Structures are given as C-alpha cells and as structure tokens.
Amino acid sequence: MSDTKAVRIASVKYAGDCTLRIRWVNGKTMPVDLHEPIFRVKGMSPLRTKEVFAAAGRGEGGHSTVWPGEIDMGADRLWEMTLEQAGRSDAVEFMRWRARHGLSLSQAADALALSRRQVAYYASGERPVPRYILLALKGWEVEREEAAA
C-alpha cells in the first residue's frame, strides 16, 4: 500500500525491556515498546527472553524486524505502533484509511482535494493530520457507501 519511504527500516537496536530503537529510512529514529504483542501473541512468546529479544535485526529490504526462530514483525505495523506510542494516532488513522481503500497518495489527494505533497506529509506522520481532515475521511467513506447502495 505504502508509497512513502517511512515504512522501511534502516536499522534496529535493542533499547531495553521489550523496547527497540528503530531508525527508519526517512531519517527518524524512534523507540517502540513491544510489550503488548509479546505478551498477547503466543507465537511471540520466545521474545519474552531478553537474549532472544535483544537479537532483533533488520529484515530483508527493511520491510520487517526479525528475531531468531523465524519470528518477525512487519515494518508497517512497527511504524503504526511507533506513531501511536508517540501520540500520533491521527497519522495512524490516516494510514489505515488509505490502506482500507487501497488508495495511493495521488488517489487520496484527489479524494480529499489536497495536494499530493500534503497527503504525503500526513501519510508519513511528518505533519499532524487536522481534525477536519480526519472528519473528511469519514465523510468520504459514507459517500462511497451510499453511492454503492
């Protein structure tokens, strides 16, 4: 879905108890706390051991973080978690809206009557998504549903 560089990982470093420090190809370096999935998802239980968790590395092409035992987590989900934990749920909502409807940056820009550049800022988390844009996403979805009915 994504046509931004933000969702590719440049490097991964262990940062402490269930936390990684991820450097993204967009130049940002941000921590992400993985307590929740590690203790909720049965397949991630080996990561509860510090030695295994600390062995995190960058997956092929930067599209994931990988651990021993064929455990991995996609860059898209890690980016969402990073933004959520940084208080940027607005950007996550915008990203999910695009993904739900399979919209490219250009298609999203056309749907919202915005410039492609502005949509790219919102999609990458570079700029906050204003409340009126978040409301426009909901209105756009309602119009589409009504047109399909």
N, C-alpha and C. Protein backbone atom coordinates (compact mmCIF):
# COMPACT_ATOMS: atom_id res chain seq x y z
N MET A 1 0.82 -1.19 0.00
CA MET A 1 0.00 0.00 0.00
C MET A 1 0.85 1.24 0.00
N SER A 2 1.87 1.25 0.79
CA SER A 2 2.57 2.49 1.03
C SER A 2 3.47 2.90 -0.11
N ASP A 3 3.46 4.18 -0.42
CA ASP A 3 4.40 4.69 -1.37
C ASP A 3 5.27 5.74 -0.71
N THR A 4 5.46 5.66 0.58
CA THR A 4 6.38 6.53 1.29
C THR A 4 7.54 5.70 1.76
N LYS A 5 8.67 6.35 1.98
CA LYS A 5 9.85 5.64 2.46
C LYS A 5 9.77 5.38 3.96
N ALA A 6 8.83 5.99 4.65
CA ALA A 6 8.77 5.93 6.11
C ALA A 6 8.61 4.52 6.65
N VAL A 7 8.04 3.63 5.88
CA VAL A 7 7.75 2.31 6.42
C VAL A 7 8.83 1.29 6.08
N ARG A 8 10.02 1.75 5.84
CA ARG A 8 11.15 0.83 5.68
C ARG A 8 12.15 1.11 6.78
N ILE A 9 12.71 0.05 7.30
CA ILE A 9 13.63 0.14 8.43
C ILE A 9 15.07 0.22 7.95
N ALA A 10 15.81 1.17 8.50
CA ALA A 10 17.24 1.29 8.17
C ALA A 10 18.07 0.45 9.15
N SER A 11 17.71 0.51 10.44
CA SER A 11 18.43 -0.28 11.44
C SER A 11 17.57 -0.48 12.68
N VAL A 12 17.92 -1.52 13.45
CA VAL A 12 17.18 -1.88 14.66
C VAL A 12 18.21 -2.10 15.77
N LYS A 13 17.94 -1.53 16.94
CA LYS A 13 18.82 -1.75 18.09
C LYS A 13 17.98 -2.05 19.33
N TYR A 14 18.50 -2.94 20.14
CA TYR A 14 17.87 -3.26 21.42
C TYR A 14 18.00 -2.03 22.31
N ALA A 15 16.89 -1.65 22.97
CA ALA A 15 16.89 -0.44 23.80
C ALA A 15 16.44 -0.72 25.22
N GLY A 16 16.32 -1.99 25.60
CA GLY A 16 15.88 -2.31 26.95
C GLY A 16 14.66 -3.20 26.93
N ASP A 17 14.09 -3.38 28.09
CA ASP A 17 12.96 -4.27 28.33
C ASP A 17 11.87 -4.17 27.25
N CYS A 18 11.83 -5.11 26.31
CA CYS A 18 10.83 -5.19 25.25
C CYS A 18 10.75 -3.94 24.37
N THR A 19 11.82 -3.17 24.32
CA THR A 19 11.84 -1.94 23.54
C THR A 19 12.98 -1.97 22.53
N LEU A 20 12.64 -1.53 21.32
CA LEU A 20 13.64 -1.39 20.26
C LEU A 20 13.75 0.07 19.88
N ARG A 21 14.91 0.43 19.39
CA ARG A 21 15.13 1.74 18.81
C ARG A 21 15.27 1.51 17.32
N ILE A 22 14.33 2.02 16.56
CA ILE A 22 14.32 1.79 15.11
C ILE A 22 14.68 3.09 14.39
N ARG A 23 15.66 2.96 13.49
CA ARG A 23 15.97 4.08 12.59
C ARG A 23 15.30 3.74 11.27
N TRP A 24 14.45 4.66 10.82
CA TRP A 24 13.67 4.49 9.60
C TRP A 24 14.42 5.11 8.43
N VAL A 25 14.12 4.68 7.23
CA VAL A 25 14.81 5.23 6.07
C VAL A 25 14.48 6.71 5.85
N ASN A 26 13.43 7.21 6.50
CA ASN A 26 13.11 8.63 6.39
C ASN A 26 14.00 9.48 7.31
N GLY A 27 14.92 8.82 8.05
CA GLY A 27 15.86 9.54 8.91
C GLY A 27 15.44 9.63 10.36
N LYS A 28 14.20 9.30 10.67
CA LYS A 28 13.74 9.36 12.06
C LYS A 28 14.22 8.14 12.83
N THR A 29 14.60 8.35 14.08
CA THR A 29 14.93 7.25 14.98
C THR A 29 13.98 7.37 16.16
N MET A 30 13.22 6.29 16.38
CA MET A 30 12.19 6.32 17.41
C MET A 30 12.13 4.99 18.14
N PRO A 31 11.80 5.04 19.44
CA PRO A 31 11.63 3.79 20.18
C PRO A 31 10.25 3.19 19.94
N VAL A 32 10.17 1.88 20.10
CA VAL A 32 8.87 1.20 20.05
C VAL A 32 8.87 0.13 21.13
N ASP A 33 7.85 0.18 21.97
CA ASP A 33 7.68 -0.77 23.06
C ASP A 33 6.80 -1.91 22.57
N LEU A 34 7.32 -3.13 22.62
CA LEU A 34 6.60 -4.29 22.10
C LEU A 34 6.03 -5.20 23.18
N HIS A 35 5.90 -4.69 24.41
CA HIS A 35 5.32 -5.49 25.50
C HIS A 35 3.99 -6.12 25.09
N GLU A 36 3.09 -5.31 24.56
CA GLU A 36 1.73 -5.76 24.28
C GLU A 36 1.72 -6.97 23.35
N PRO A 37 2.31 -6.90 22.14
CA PRO A 37 2.23 -8.10 21.29
C PRO A 37 3.04 -9.29 21.82
N ILE A 38 4.15 -9.02 22.49
CA ILE A 38 4.98 -10.11 23.01
C ILE A 38 4.22 -10.92 24.05
N PHE A 39 3.42 -10.25 24.87
CA PHE A 39 2.69 -10.97 25.93
C PHE A 39 1.27 -11.36 25.52
N ARG A 40 0.82 -10.90 24.35
CA ARG A 40 -0.52 -11.27 23.86
C ARG A 40 -0.46 -12.38 22.81
N VAL A 41 0.51 -12.31 21.93
CA VAL A 41 0.59 -13.24 20.80
C VAL A 41 1.46 -14.45 21.17
N LYS A 42 0.85 -15.62 21.15
CA LYS A 42 1.55 -16.84 21.57
C LYS A 42 2.84 -17.07 20.77
N GLY A 43 2.82 -16.82 19.48
CA GLY A 43 3.99 -17.04 18.64
C GLY A 43 5.16 -16.12 18.94
N MET A 44 4.91 -15.07 19.70
CA MET A 44 5.99 -14.14 20.05
C MET A 44 6.54 -14.40 21.45
N SER A 45 6.04 -15.43 22.12
CA SER A 45 6.47 -15.70 23.49
C SER A 45 7.98 -15.91 23.65
N PRO A 46 8.71 -16.44 22.65
CA PRO A 46 10.16 -16.55 22.82
C PRO A 46 10.85 -15.18 23.04
N LEU A 47 10.19 -14.10 22.61
CA LEU A 47 10.78 -12.76 22.77
C LEU A 47 10.71 -12.26 24.21
N ARG A 48 10.04 -13.01 25.07
CA ARG A 48 10.00 -12.63 26.49
C ARG A 48 11.36 -12.84 27.15
N THR A 49 12.23 -13.58 26.49
CA THR A 49 13.60 -13.80 26.98
C THR A 49 14.48 -12.68 26.43
N LYS A 50 15.18 -11.99 27.33
CA LYS A 50 15.99 -10.85 26.92
C LYS A 50 16.97 -11.19 25.80
N GLU A 51 17.63 -12.33 25.91
CA GLU A 51 18.64 -12.70 24.91
C GLU A 51 18.03 -12.83 23.51
N VAL A 52 16.85 -13.41 23.43
CA VAL A 52 16.20 -13.58 22.13
C VAL A 52 15.72 -12.22 21.63
N PHE A 53 15.05 -11.45 22.50
CA PHE A 53 14.54 -10.14 22.08
C PHE A 53 15.68 -9.23 21.63
N ALA A 54 16.78 -9.23 22.36
CA ALA A 54 17.92 -8.36 22.05
C ALA A 54 18.59 -8.73 20.74
N ALA A 55 18.30 -9.91 20.19
CA ALA A 55 18.90 -10.34 18.92
C ALA A 55 18.14 -9.81 17.72
N ALA A 56 17.27 -8.84 17.92
CA ALA A 56 16.47 -8.26 16.83
C ALA A 56 17.39 -7.71 15.75
N GLY A 57 16.94 -7.86 14.52
CA GLY A 57 17.68 -7.33 13.40
C GLY A 57 16.75 -6.85 12.30
N ARG A 58 17.31 -6.19 11.34
CA ARG A 58 16.57 -5.66 10.20
C ARG A 58 16.31 -6.79 9.22
N GLY A 59 15.06 -6.93 8.82
CA GLY A 59 14.71 -7.95 7.84
C GLY A 59 15.11 -7.52 6.44
N GLU A 60 15.02 -8.44 5.52
CA GLU A 60 15.41 -8.18 4.14
C GLU A 60 14.69 -6.97 3.56
N GLY A 61 15.45 -6.06 3.01
CA GLY A 61 14.89 -4.86 2.39
C GLY A 61 14.35 -3.85 3.37
N GLY A 62 14.49 -4.11 4.68
CA GLY A 62 13.97 -3.19 5.68
C GLY A 62 12.46 -3.26 5.85
N HIS A 63 11.86 -4.34 5.36
CA HIS A 63 10.40 -4.47 5.43
C HIS A 63 9.91 -5.11 6.72
N SER A 64 10.84 -5.48 7.60
CA SER A 64 10.45 -6.11 8.87
C SER A 64 11.61 -6.05 9.85
N THR A 65 11.28 -6.42 11.10
CA THR A 65 12.28 -6.70 12.11
C THR A 65 12.20 -8.20 12.33
N VAL A 66 13.37 -8.84 12.44
CA VAL A 66 13.42 -10.30 12.57
C VAL A 66 14.16 -10.69 13.84
N TRP A 67 13.78 -11.87 14.37
CA TRP A 67 14.42 -12.46 15.54
C TRP A 67 14.72 -13.92 15.23
N PRO A 68 15.60 -14.52 16.03
CA PRO A 68 15.84 -15.96 15.87
C PRO A 68 14.54 -16.75 16.03
N GLY A 69 14.49 -17.91 15.37
CA GLY A 69 13.29 -18.73 15.46
C GLY A 69 12.22 -18.34 14.46
N GLU A 70 12.63 -17.63 13.42
CA GLU A 70 11.71 -17.20 12.36
C GLU A 70 10.56 -16.33 12.86
N ILE A 71 10.84 -15.50 13.84
CA ILE A 71 9.85 -14.55 14.34
C ILE A 71 10.13 -13.22 13.66
N ASP A 72 9.06 -12.58 13.18
CA ASP A 72 9.25 -11.27 12.57
C ASP A 72 8.03 -10.39 12.80
N MET A 73 8.21 -9.11 12.56
CA MET A 73 7.12 -8.15 12.65
C MET A 73 7.31 -7.15 11.52
N GLY A 74 6.25 -6.93 10.75
CA GLY A 74 6.32 -6.05 9.59
C GLY A 74 6.60 -4.60 9.94
N ALA A 75 7.31 -3.95 9.03
CA ALA A 75 7.66 -2.54 9.22
C ALA A 75 6.42 -1.66 9.31
N ASP A 76 5.38 -1.97 8.51
CA ASP A 76 4.15 -1.16 8.56
C ASP A 76 3.55 -1.15 9.96
N ARG A 77 3.45 -2.33 10.56
CA ARG A 77 2.87 -2.42 11.92
C ARG A 77 3.77 -1.74 12.94
N LEU A 78 5.08 -1.94 12.82
CA LEU A 78 6.02 -1.29 13.74
C LEU A 78 5.92 0.23 13.62
N TRP A 79 5.78 0.74 12.40
CA TRP A 79 5.65 2.19 12.18
C TRP A 79 4.37 2.68 12.84
N GLU A 80 3.26 1.96 12.67
CA GLU A 80 2.00 2.34 13.32
C GLU A 80 2.17 2.39 14.84
N MET A 81 2.78 1.35 15.40
CA MET A 81 2.98 1.31 16.86
C MET A 81 3.86 2.46 17.33
N THR A 82 4.90 2.76 16.55
CA THR A 82 5.79 3.87 16.89
C THR A 82 5.02 5.18 16.93
N LEU A 83 4.21 5.40 15.91
CA LEU A 83 3.41 6.64 15.85
C LEU A 83 2.40 6.69 16.99
N GLU A 84 1.70 5.58 17.24
CA GLU A 84 0.72 5.54 18.33
C GLU A 84 1.37 5.86 19.66
N GLN A 85 2.53 5.26 19.91
CA GLN A 85 3.22 5.47 21.18
C GLN A 85 3.79 6.89 21.29
N ALA A 86 3.98 7.54 20.15
CA ALA A 86 4.45 8.93 20.15
C ALA A 86 3.28 9.91 20.19
N GLY A 87 2.05 9.38 20.36
CA GLY A 87 0.87 10.25 20.44
C GLY A 87 0.36 10.71 19.09
N ARG A 88 0.69 9.98 18.03
CA ARG A 88 0.30 10.37 16.68
C ARG A 88 -0.77 9.45 16.10
N SER A 89 -1.84 9.24 16.84
CA SER A 89 -2.92 8.38 16.36
C SER A 89 -3.59 8.98 15.12
N ASP A 90 -3.47 10.29 14.93
CA ASP A 90 -4.02 10.93 13.74
C ASP A 90 -3.37 10.38 12.47
N ALA A 91 -2.05 10.24 12.48
CA ALA A 91 -1.34 9.71 11.32
C ALA A 91 -1.70 8.24 11.10
N VAL A 92 -1.84 7.49 12.18
CA VAL A 92 -2.21 6.07 12.06
C VAL A 92 -3.61 5.95 11.45
N GLU A 93 -4.53 6.77 11.89
CA GLU A 93 -5.89 6.74 11.33
C GLU A 93 -5.86 7.05 9.84
N PHE A 94 -5.04 8.03 9.46
CA PHE A 94 -4.92 8.40 8.04
C PHE A 94 -4.32 7.25 7.23
N MET A 95 -3.27 6.62 7.75
CA MET A 95 -2.64 5.49 7.07
C MET A 95 -3.62 4.34 6.90
N ARG A 96 -4.37 4.05 7.94
CA ARG A 96 -5.34 2.94 7.88
C ARG A 96 -6.46 3.22 6.90
N TRP A 97 -6.89 4.46 6.82
CA TRP A 97 -7.92 4.85 5.85
C TRP A 97 -7.43 4.57 4.43
N ARG A 98 -6.21 5.00 4.15
CA ARG A 98 -5.64 4.74 2.81
C ARG A 98 -5.54 3.24 2.54
N ALA A 99 -5.06 2.48 3.52
CA ALA A 99 -4.90 1.04 3.34
C ALA A 99 -6.24 0.35 3.12
N ARG A 100 -7.24 0.75 3.91
CA ARG A 100 -8.58 0.15 3.82
C ARG A 100 -9.16 0.30 2.42
N HIS A 101 -8.85 1.41 1.77
CA HIS A 101 -9.43 1.70 0.46
C HIS A 101 -8.43 1.52 -0.68
N GLY A 102 -7.21 1.08 -0.36
CA GLY A 102 -6.21 0.84 -1.38
C GLY A 102 -5.83 2.08 -2.16
N LEU A 103 -5.79 3.22 -1.48
CA LEU A 103 -5.52 4.48 -2.15
C LEU A 103 -4.03 4.83 -2.19
N SER A 104 -3.56 5.19 -3.35
CA SER A 104 -2.21 5.73 -3.48
C SER A 104 -2.23 7.16 -2.92
N LEU A 105 -1.07 7.76 -2.82
CA LEU A 105 -1.02 9.16 -2.37
C LEU A 105 -1.81 10.05 -3.31
N SER A 106 -1.66 9.83 -4.61
CA SER A 106 -2.38 10.65 -5.60
C SER A 106 -3.88 10.47 -5.51
N GLN A 107 -4.32 9.22 -5.35
CA GLN A 107 -5.75 8.96 -5.23
C GLN A 107 -6.33 9.57 -3.95
N ALA A 108 -5.59 9.49 -2.86
CA ALA A 108 -6.04 10.10 -1.60
C ALA A 108 -6.11 11.61 -1.75
N ALA A 109 -5.12 12.19 -2.43
CA ALA A 109 -5.11 13.64 -2.65
C ALA A 109 -6.34 14.05 -3.47
N ASP A 110 -6.65 13.30 -4.51
CA ASP A 110 -7.84 13.60 -5.33
C ASP A 110 -9.11 13.47 -4.50
N ALA A 111 -9.20 12.42 -3.69
CA ALA A 111 -10.40 12.19 -2.89
C ALA A 111 -10.64 13.31 -1.89
N LEU A 112 -9.57 13.90 -1.39
CA LEU A 112 -9.69 14.93 -0.34
C LEU A 112 -9.49 16.35 -0.87
N ALA A 113 -9.25 16.48 -2.16
CA ALA A 113 -8.98 17.79 -2.78
C ALA A 113 -7.79 18.49 -2.10
N LEU A 114 -6.73 17.69 -1.90
CA LEU A 114 -5.50 18.20 -1.32
C LEU A 114 -4.36 17.96 -2.30
N SER A 115 -3.24 18.59 -2.04
CA SER A 115 -2.08 18.32 -2.88
C SER A 115 -1.49 16.97 -2.50
N ARG A 116 -0.84 16.32 -3.44
CA ARG A 116 -0.20 15.04 -3.17
C ARG A 116 0.86 15.22 -2.09
N ARG A 117 1.56 16.34 -2.12
CA ARG A 117 2.61 16.61 -1.13
C ARG A 117 2.02 16.65 0.28
N GLN A 118 0.87 17.33 0.44
CA GLN A 118 0.25 17.42 1.76
C GLN A 118 -0.17 16.04 2.25
N VAL A 119 -0.73 15.24 1.36
CA VAL A 119 -1.14 13.88 1.72
C VAL A 119 0.08 13.06 2.12
N ALA A 120 1.19 13.25 1.42
CA ALA A 120 2.43 12.53 1.76
C ALA A 120 2.90 12.91 3.16
N TYR A 121 2.79 14.18 3.51
CA TYR A 121 3.15 14.61 4.87
C TYR A 121 2.28 13.90 5.91
N TYR A 122 0.98 13.83 5.66
CA TYR A 122 0.07 13.16 6.60
C TYR A 122 0.37 11.67 6.66
N ALA A 123 0.57 11.06 5.49
CA ALA A 123 0.78 9.62 5.41
C ALA A 123 2.06 9.18 6.09
N SER A 124 3.06 10.03 6.10
CA SER A 124 4.35 9.68 6.70
C SER A 124 4.44 10.05 8.17
N GLY A 125 3.44 10.78 8.66
CA GLY A 125 3.50 11.25 10.04
C GLY A 125 4.35 12.49 10.19
N GLU A 126 4.79 13.05 9.07
CA GLU A 126 5.64 14.24 9.09
C GLU A 126 4.91 15.46 9.65
N ARG A 127 3.62 15.53 9.34
CA ARG A 127 2.79 16.64 9.84
C ARG A 127 1.53 16.09 10.47
N PRO A 128 1.03 16.76 11.50
CA PRO A 128 -0.22 16.31 12.12
C PRO A 128 -1.38 16.38 11.13
N VAL A 129 -2.29 15.43 11.24
CA VAL A 129 -3.49 15.42 10.39
C VAL A 129 -4.56 16.21 11.13
N PRO A 130 -4.99 17.34 10.56
CA PRO A 130 -6.01 18.15 11.24
C PRO A 130 -7.32 17.40 11.43
N ARG A 131 -8.04 17.78 12.47
CA ARG A 131 -9.31 17.13 12.78
C ARG A 131 -10.28 17.20 11.61
N TYR A 132 -10.32 18.32 10.89
CA TYR A 132 -11.26 18.42 9.78
C TYR A 132 -10.92 17.43 8.66
N ILE A 133 -9.65 17.08 8.51
CA ILE A 133 -9.27 16.08 7.51
C ILE A 133 -9.72 14.69 7.99
N LEU A 134 -9.53 14.41 9.27
CA LEU A 134 -9.97 13.12 9.82
C LEU A 134 -11.49 12.97 9.67
N LEU A 135 -12.21 14.07 9.85
CA LEU A 135 -13.67 14.04 9.64
C LEU A 135 -14.00 13.85 8.17
N ALA A 136 -13.20 14.46 7.29
CA ALA A 136 -13.42 14.30 5.85
C ALA A 136 -13.24 12.85 5.42
N LEU A 137 -12.32 12.12 6.07
CA LEU A 137 -12.13 10.71 5.76
C LEU A 137 -13.42 9.94 6.00
N LYS A 138 -14.05 10.23 7.14
CA LYS A 138 -15.30 9.56 7.49
C LYS A 138 -16.41 9.93 6.50
N GLY A 139 -16.48 11.20 6.15
CA GLY A 139 -17.48 11.65 5.17
C GLY A 139 -17.27 11.01 3.81
N TRP A 140 -16.02 10.89 3.40
CA TRP A 140 -15.69 10.26 2.12
C TRP A 140 -16.17 8.81 2.12
N GLU A 141 -15.96 8.11 3.24
CA GLU A 141 -16.39 6.71 3.34
C GLU A 141 -17.91 6.59 3.27
N VAL A 142 -18.61 7.50 3.94
CA VAL A 142 -20.08 7.46 3.93
C VAL A 142 -20.59 7.72 2.51
N GLU A 143 -20.03 8.69 1.82
CA GLU A 143 -20.45 8.96 0.45
C GLU A 143 -20.24 7.75 -0.45
N ARG A 144 -19.11 7.09 -0.28
CA ARG A 144 -18.82 5.89 -1.08
C ARG A 144 -19.80 4.77 -0.80
N GLU A 145 -20.13 4.58 0.48
CA GLU A 145 -21.10 3.54 0.85
C GLU A 145 -22.47 3.84 0.27
N GLU A 146 -22.89 5.11 0.34
CA GLU A 146 -24.20 5.49 -0.18
C GLU A 146 -24.26 5.34 -1.70
N ALA A 147 -23.16 5.67 -2.37
CA ALA A 147 -23.11 5.55 -3.82
C ALA A 147 -23.16 4.09 -4.26
N ALA A 148 -22.61 3.20 -3.44
CA ALA A 148 -22.57 1.78 -3.76
C ALA A 148 -23.91 1.10 -3.47
N ALA A 149 -24.74 1.73 -2.63
CA ALA A 149 -26.01 1.11 -2.22
C ALA A 149 -27.08 1.26 -3.27
